[in-house]
Amino acid sequence: MTMNEVYAAIEPVRTEIDTLEGPAMLEFGSPSCGYCRAAQATLASVLADHPQLRHIKIADGSGRPLGRSFRVKLWPTLLFLRNGQEVTRLVRPDDATEIRRAVAQIEITN
């Protein structure tokens, strides 16, 4: 799966996230966030090497229930899930190596 470049205006409900199968990365942020914009090239380079990783990009903000259910406080926050369960998270990542390490934790190998 390729990187989503646009934040989803309508966020999925928590039960949808909890029932995801396989590896997934949730990216909480905002198109107006400088930290979020700065992270995009790094995220794109990592995701290009992991086409099996589902990337869900969610516009977050005050009163948005999905971000609150995951206790997101700063953007971007990346949640790395395996089969709907959070394995690890990164807040304001700026290094491809740390993102690759997080992806390695959720990859499902045969």
N, C-alpha and C. Protein backbone atom coordinates (compact mmCIF):
# COMPACT_ATOMS: atom_id res chain seq x y z
N MET A 1 0.86 -1.17 0.00
CA MET A 1 0.00 0.00 0.00
C MET A 1 0.90 1.23 0.00
N THR A 2 0.53 2.22 -0.75
CA THR A 2 1.35 3.43 -0.82
C THR A 2 0.96 4.40 0.27
N MET A 3 1.80 5.39 0.43
CA MET A 3 1.55 6.40 1.46
C MET A 3 0.34 7.25 1.10
N ASN A 4 -0.52 7.47 2.06
CA ASN A 4 -1.61 8.42 1.88
C ASN A 4 -1.04 9.82 2.01
N GLU A 5 -1.35 10.67 1.07
CA GLU A 5 -0.82 12.02 1.11
C GLU A 5 -1.82 13.02 1.67
N VAL A 6 -3.07 12.61 1.80
CA VAL A 6 -4.13 13.50 2.27
C VAL A 6 -4.70 12.95 3.58
N TYR A 7 -4.87 13.85 4.54
CA TYR A 7 -5.49 13.45 5.80
C TYR A 7 -6.96 13.14 5.58
N ALA A 8 -7.41 12.03 6.15
CA ALA A 8 -8.82 11.66 6.06
C ALA A 8 -9.64 12.67 6.85
N ALA A 9 -10.60 13.31 6.19
CA ALA A 9 -11.45 14.28 6.87
C ALA A 9 -12.42 13.59 7.82
N ILE A 10 -12.84 12.39 7.45
CA ILE A 10 -13.73 11.61 8.30
C ILE A 10 -12.91 10.46 8.86
N GLU A 11 -12.72 10.50 10.16
CA GLU A 11 -11.88 9.47 10.78
C GLU A 11 -12.64 8.17 10.95
N PRO A 12 -11.92 7.03 10.90
CA PRO A 12 -12.59 5.77 11.19
C PRO A 12 -12.98 5.71 12.67
N VAL A 13 -13.92 4.87 12.99
CA VAL A 13 -14.29 4.69 14.39
C VAL A 13 -13.30 3.73 15.05
N ARG A 14 -13.19 3.80 16.35
CA ARG A 14 -12.20 3.00 17.07
C ARG A 14 -12.39 1.50 16.83
N THR A 15 -13.63 1.04 16.74
CA THR A 15 -13.85 -0.39 16.53
C THR A 15 -13.28 -0.85 15.18
N GLU A 16 -13.31 0.02 14.17
CA GLU A 16 -12.69 -0.32 12.88
C GLU A 16 -11.19 -0.52 13.04
N ILE A 17 -10.56 0.36 13.79
CA ILE A 17 -9.12 0.27 14.01
C ILE A 17 -8.78 -0.98 14.82
N ASP A 18 -9.56 -1.23 15.86
CA ASP A 18 -9.30 -2.38 16.74
C ASP A 18 -9.42 -3.71 16.02
N THR A 19 -10.14 -3.76 14.91
CA THR A 19 -10.34 -5.02 14.19
C THR A 19 -9.50 -5.12 12.90
N LEU A 20 -8.57 -4.19 12.70
CA LEU A 20 -7.70 -4.26 11.53
C LEU A 20 -6.87 -5.54 11.59
N GLU A 21 -6.63 -6.12 10.44
CA GLU A 21 -5.77 -7.30 10.37
C GLU A 21 -4.43 -6.90 9.79
N GLY A 22 -3.37 -7.49 10.31
CA GLY A 22 -2.03 -7.24 9.80
C GLY A 22 -1.43 -5.96 10.36
N PRO A 23 -0.29 -5.55 9.77
CA PRO A 23 0.40 -4.35 10.24
C PRO A 23 -0.26 -3.08 9.70
N ALA A 24 -0.29 -2.06 10.53
CA ALA A 24 -0.85 -0.77 10.12
C ALA A 24 -0.16 0.35 10.90
N MET A 25 -0.10 1.50 10.26
CA MET A 25 0.44 2.69 10.91
C MET A 25 -0.62 3.79 10.84
N LEU A 26 -1.01 4.30 11.99
CA LEU A 26 -1.91 5.45 12.04
C LEU A 26 -1.05 6.69 12.20
N GLU A 27 -1.31 7.68 11.38
CA GLU A 27 -0.61 8.95 11.47
C GLU A 27 -1.63 10.02 11.85
N PHE A 28 -1.50 10.54 13.06
CA PHE A 28 -2.37 11.62 13.51
C PHE A 28 -1.63 12.94 13.31
N GLY A 29 -2.32 13.90 12.70
CA GLY A 29 -1.70 15.20 12.48
C GLY A 29 -2.67 16.18 11.87
N SER A 30 -2.10 17.20 11.25
CA SER A 30 -2.90 18.24 10.62
C SER A 30 -2.12 18.81 9.44
N PRO A 31 -2.82 19.14 8.36
CA PRO A 31 -2.12 19.73 7.23
C PRO A 31 -1.49 21.09 7.56
N SER A 32 -1.94 21.74 8.61
CA SER A 32 -1.37 23.04 8.98
C SER A 32 -0.20 22.92 9.96
N CYS A 33 0.13 21.71 10.37
CA CYS A 33 1.19 21.47 11.35
C CYS A 33 2.56 21.40 10.67
N GLY A 34 3.47 22.27 11.07
CA GLY A 34 4.80 22.29 10.50
C GLY A 34 5.58 21.01 10.75
N TYR A 35 5.44 20.45 11.95
CA TYR A 35 6.11 19.18 12.27
C TYR A 35 5.60 18.07 11.35
N CYS A 36 4.29 18.08 11.10
CA CYS A 36 3.68 17.06 10.24
C CYS A 36 4.21 17.18 8.81
N ARG A 37 4.25 18.41 8.31
CA ARG A 37 4.75 18.63 6.95
C ARG A 37 6.22 18.21 6.84
N ALA A 38 7.00 18.52 7.86
CA ALA A 38 8.43 18.19 7.85
C ALA A 38 8.67 16.69 7.85
N ALA A 39 7.77 15.93 8.43
CA ALA A 39 7.95 14.47 8.52
C ALA A 39 7.56 13.73 7.25
N GLN A 40 6.89 14.37 6.32
CA GLN A 40 6.31 13.66 5.18
C GLN A 40 7.34 12.98 4.28
N ALA A 41 8.45 13.63 3.98
CA ALA A 41 9.46 13.01 3.11
C ALA A 41 10.06 11.77 3.76
N THR A 42 10.31 11.86 5.06
CA THR A 42 10.87 10.71 5.78
C THR A 42 9.87 9.56 5.80
N LEU A 43 8.62 9.86 6.08
CA LEU A 43 7.59 8.82 6.08
C LEU A 43 7.46 8.18 4.70
N ALA A 44 7.48 8.99 3.67
CA ALA A 44 7.36 8.47 2.30
C ALA A 44 8.50 7.52 1.98
N SER A 45 9.71 7.86 2.40
CA SER A 45 10.86 6.99 2.09
C SER A 45 10.74 5.65 2.82
N VAL A 46 10.28 5.67 4.05
CA VAL A 46 10.11 4.41 4.81
C VAL A 46 8.97 3.59 4.22
N LEU A 47 7.85 4.22 3.95
CA LEU A 47 6.69 3.48 3.44
C LEU A 47 6.95 2.90 2.06
N ALA A 48 7.81 3.52 1.28
CA ALA A 48 8.14 2.99 -0.05
C ALA A 48 8.79 1.61 0.06
N ASP A 49 9.48 1.37 1.17
CA ASP A 49 10.14 0.08 1.38
C ASP A 49 9.23 -0.96 2.04
N HIS A 50 8.01 -0.56 2.40
CA HIS A 50 7.09 -1.46 3.11
C HIS A 50 5.69 -1.38 2.49
N PRO A 51 5.54 -1.88 1.26
CA PRO A 51 4.25 -1.74 0.57
C PRO A 51 3.11 -2.50 1.24
N GLN A 52 3.42 -3.48 2.09
CA GLN A 52 2.37 -4.24 2.77
C GLN A 52 1.79 -3.51 3.97
N LEU A 53 2.44 -2.42 4.38
CA LEU A 53 2.01 -1.68 5.57
C LEU A 53 0.85 -0.75 5.24
N ARG A 54 -0.26 -0.94 5.93
CA ARG A 54 -1.42 -0.05 5.76
C ARG A 54 -1.12 1.26 6.45
N HIS A 55 -1.30 2.37 5.74
CA HIS A 55 -1.05 3.71 6.28
C HIS A 55 -2.37 4.46 6.32
N ILE A 56 -2.78 4.85 7.52
CA ILE A 56 -4.03 5.59 7.70
C ILE A 56 -3.67 6.95 8.26
N LYS A 57 -3.93 7.98 7.49
CA LYS A 57 -3.55 9.35 7.83
C LYS A 57 -4.81 10.08 8.30
N ILE A 58 -4.81 10.51 9.56
CA ILE A 58 -6.02 11.04 10.17
C ILE A 58 -5.83 12.48 10.61
N ALA A 59 -6.71 13.36 10.14
CA ALA A 59 -6.71 14.76 10.60
C ALA A 59 -7.21 14.76 12.04
N ASP A 60 -6.37 15.24 12.93
CA ASP A 60 -6.70 15.23 14.34
C ASP A 60 -6.99 16.66 14.80
N GLY A 61 -7.59 16.78 15.95
CA GLY A 61 -7.87 18.09 16.52
C GLY A 61 -8.77 17.96 17.73
N SER A 62 -9.03 19.08 18.33
CA SER A 62 -9.88 19.13 19.51
C SER A 62 -11.23 18.49 19.22
N GLY A 63 -11.64 17.61 20.10
CA GLY A 63 -12.95 16.98 19.96
C GLY A 63 -13.00 15.82 18.99
N ARG A 64 -11.86 15.44 18.40
CA ARG A 64 -11.84 14.30 17.49
C ARG A 64 -11.69 13.02 18.32
N PRO A 65 -12.68 12.16 18.32
CA PRO A 65 -12.69 11.03 19.25
C PRO A 65 -11.58 9.99 19.06
N LEU A 66 -11.18 9.72 17.83
CA LEU A 66 -10.18 8.67 17.63
C LEU A 66 -8.84 9.06 18.26
N GLY A 67 -8.39 10.27 18.00
CA GLY A 67 -7.14 10.73 18.60
C GLY A 67 -7.21 10.75 20.12
N ARG A 68 -8.35 11.15 20.66
CA ARG A 68 -8.49 11.17 22.12
C ARG A 68 -8.47 9.75 22.68
N SER A 69 -9.05 8.80 21.96
CA SER A 69 -9.08 7.42 22.46
C SER A 69 -7.68 6.83 22.54
N PHE A 70 -6.76 7.34 21.71
CA PHE A 70 -5.36 6.90 21.75
C PHE A 70 -4.48 7.87 22.54
N ARG A 71 -5.07 8.85 23.19
CA ARG A 71 -4.35 9.84 24.01
C ARG A 71 -3.29 10.60 23.22
N VAL A 72 -3.62 10.98 21.99
CA VAL A 72 -2.71 11.76 21.14
C VAL A 72 -2.70 13.19 21.66
N LYS A 73 -1.52 13.72 21.88
CA LYS A 73 -1.39 15.08 22.39
C LYS A 73 -0.56 15.98 21.47
N LEU A 74 0.41 15.42 20.76
CA LEU A 74 1.26 16.19 19.85
C LEU A 74 1.21 15.58 18.46
N TRP A 75 1.49 16.40 17.48
CA TRP A 75 1.50 15.94 16.08
C TRP A 75 2.89 16.06 15.50
N PRO A 76 3.23 15.21 14.57
CA PRO A 76 2.50 13.99 14.27
C PRO A 76 2.76 12.93 15.32
N THR A 77 1.77 12.12 15.56
CA THR A 77 1.92 10.93 16.38
C THR A 77 1.66 9.75 15.47
N LEU A 78 2.61 8.83 15.44
CA LEU A 78 2.49 7.62 14.64
C LEU A 78 2.24 6.45 15.58
N LEU A 79 1.16 5.74 15.34
CA LEU A 79 0.86 4.53 16.10
C LEU A 79 1.10 3.33 15.19
N PHE A 80 1.84 2.37 15.68
CA PHE A 80 2.16 1.17 14.92
C PHE A 80 1.36 0.02 15.52
N LEU A 81 0.49 -0.55 14.70
CA LEU A 81 -0.45 -1.58 15.16
C LEU A 81 -0.18 -2.91 14.48
N ARG A 82 -0.40 -3.97 15.22
CA ARG A 82 -0.42 -5.31 14.65
C ARG A 82 -1.75 -5.91 15.03
N ASN A 83 -2.53 -6.25 14.02
CA ASN A 83 -3.86 -6.83 14.24
C ASN A 83 -4.71 -5.97 15.18
N GLY A 84 -4.68 -4.67 14.95
CA GLY A 84 -5.51 -3.73 15.69
C GLY A 84 -5.01 -3.34 17.07
N GLN A 85 -3.88 -3.88 17.48
CA GLN A 85 -3.35 -3.59 18.82
C GLN A 85 -2.08 -2.73 18.70
N GLU A 86 -2.02 -1.69 19.50
CA GLU A 86 -0.84 -0.82 19.49
C GLU A 86 0.37 -1.58 20.01
N VAL A 87 1.45 -1.54 19.23
CA VAL A 87 2.71 -2.16 19.61
C VAL A 87 3.68 -1.09 20.10
N THR A 88 3.73 0.01 19.36
CA THR A 88 4.60 1.12 19.74
C THR A 88 4.08 2.40 19.11
N ARG A 89 4.65 3.52 19.52
CA ARG A 89 4.29 4.81 18.94
C ARG A 89 5.50 5.72 18.90
N LEU A 90 5.46 6.65 17.97
CA LEU A 90 6.48 7.68 17.87
C LEU A 90 5.78 9.03 17.82
N VAL A 91 6.32 9.98 18.55
CA VAL A 91 5.77 11.33 18.56
C VAL A 91 6.82 12.26 17.96
N ARG A 92 6.41 12.99 16.94
CA ARG A 92 7.28 13.91 16.21
C ARG A 92 8.58 13.26 15.75
N PRO A 93 8.46 12.15 15.03
CA PRO A 93 9.67 11.48 14.55
C PRO A 93 10.37 12.33 13.50
N ASP A 94 11.70 12.32 13.54
CA ASP A 94 12.44 13.08 12.53
C ASP A 94 13.56 12.25 11.93
N ASP A 95 13.54 10.96 12.21
CA ASP A 95 14.62 10.08 11.78
C ASP A 95 14.03 8.81 11.16
N ALA A 96 14.44 8.51 9.94
CA ALA A 96 13.92 7.31 9.26
C ALA A 96 14.28 6.04 10.01
N THR A 97 15.42 6.03 10.68
CA THR A 97 15.85 4.83 11.39
C THR A 97 14.87 4.46 12.49
N GLU A 98 14.40 5.45 13.27
CA GLU A 98 13.46 5.14 14.34
C GLU A 98 12.12 4.67 13.78
N ILE A 99 11.72 5.20 12.64
CA ILE A 99 10.47 4.75 12.02
C ILE A 99 10.63 3.33 11.51
N ARG A 100 11.77 3.03 10.89
CA ARG A 100 12.02 1.67 10.40
C ARG A 100 12.02 0.66 11.56
N ARG A 101 12.60 1.04 12.68
CA ARG A 101 12.60 0.15 13.85
C ARG A 101 11.17 -0.14 14.31
N ALA A 102 10.35 0.89 14.33
CA ALA A 102 8.95 0.71 14.74
C ALA A 102 8.20 -0.19 13.75
N VAL A 103 8.44 0.00 12.46
CA VAL A 103 7.80 -0.84 11.45
C VAL A 103 8.24 -2.29 11.63
N ALA A 104 9.51 -2.51 11.91
CA ALA A 104 10.01 -3.87 12.10
C ALA A 104 9.30 -4.58 13.26
N GLN A 105 8.87 -3.83 14.24
CA GLN A 105 8.18 -4.42 15.39
C GLN A 105 6.78 -4.94 15.06
N ILE A 106 6.18 -4.41 13.99
CA ILE A 106 4.81 -4.82 13.66
C ILE A 106 4.73 -5.70 12.43
N GLU A 107 5.83 -5.85 11.71
CA GLU A 107 5.79 -6.67 10.53
C GLU A 107 5.51 -8.12 10.90
N ILE A 108 4.69 -8.74 10.09
CA ILE A 108 4.33 -10.14 10.31
C ILE A 108 5.09 -10.95 9.27
N THR A 109 5.96 -11.80 9.76
CA THR A 109 6.74 -12.63 8.85
C THR A 109 6.18 -14.05 8.84
N ASN A 110 6.36 -14.70 7.72
CA ASN A 110 5.82 -16.07 7.59
C ASN A 110 6.78 -17.07 8.17
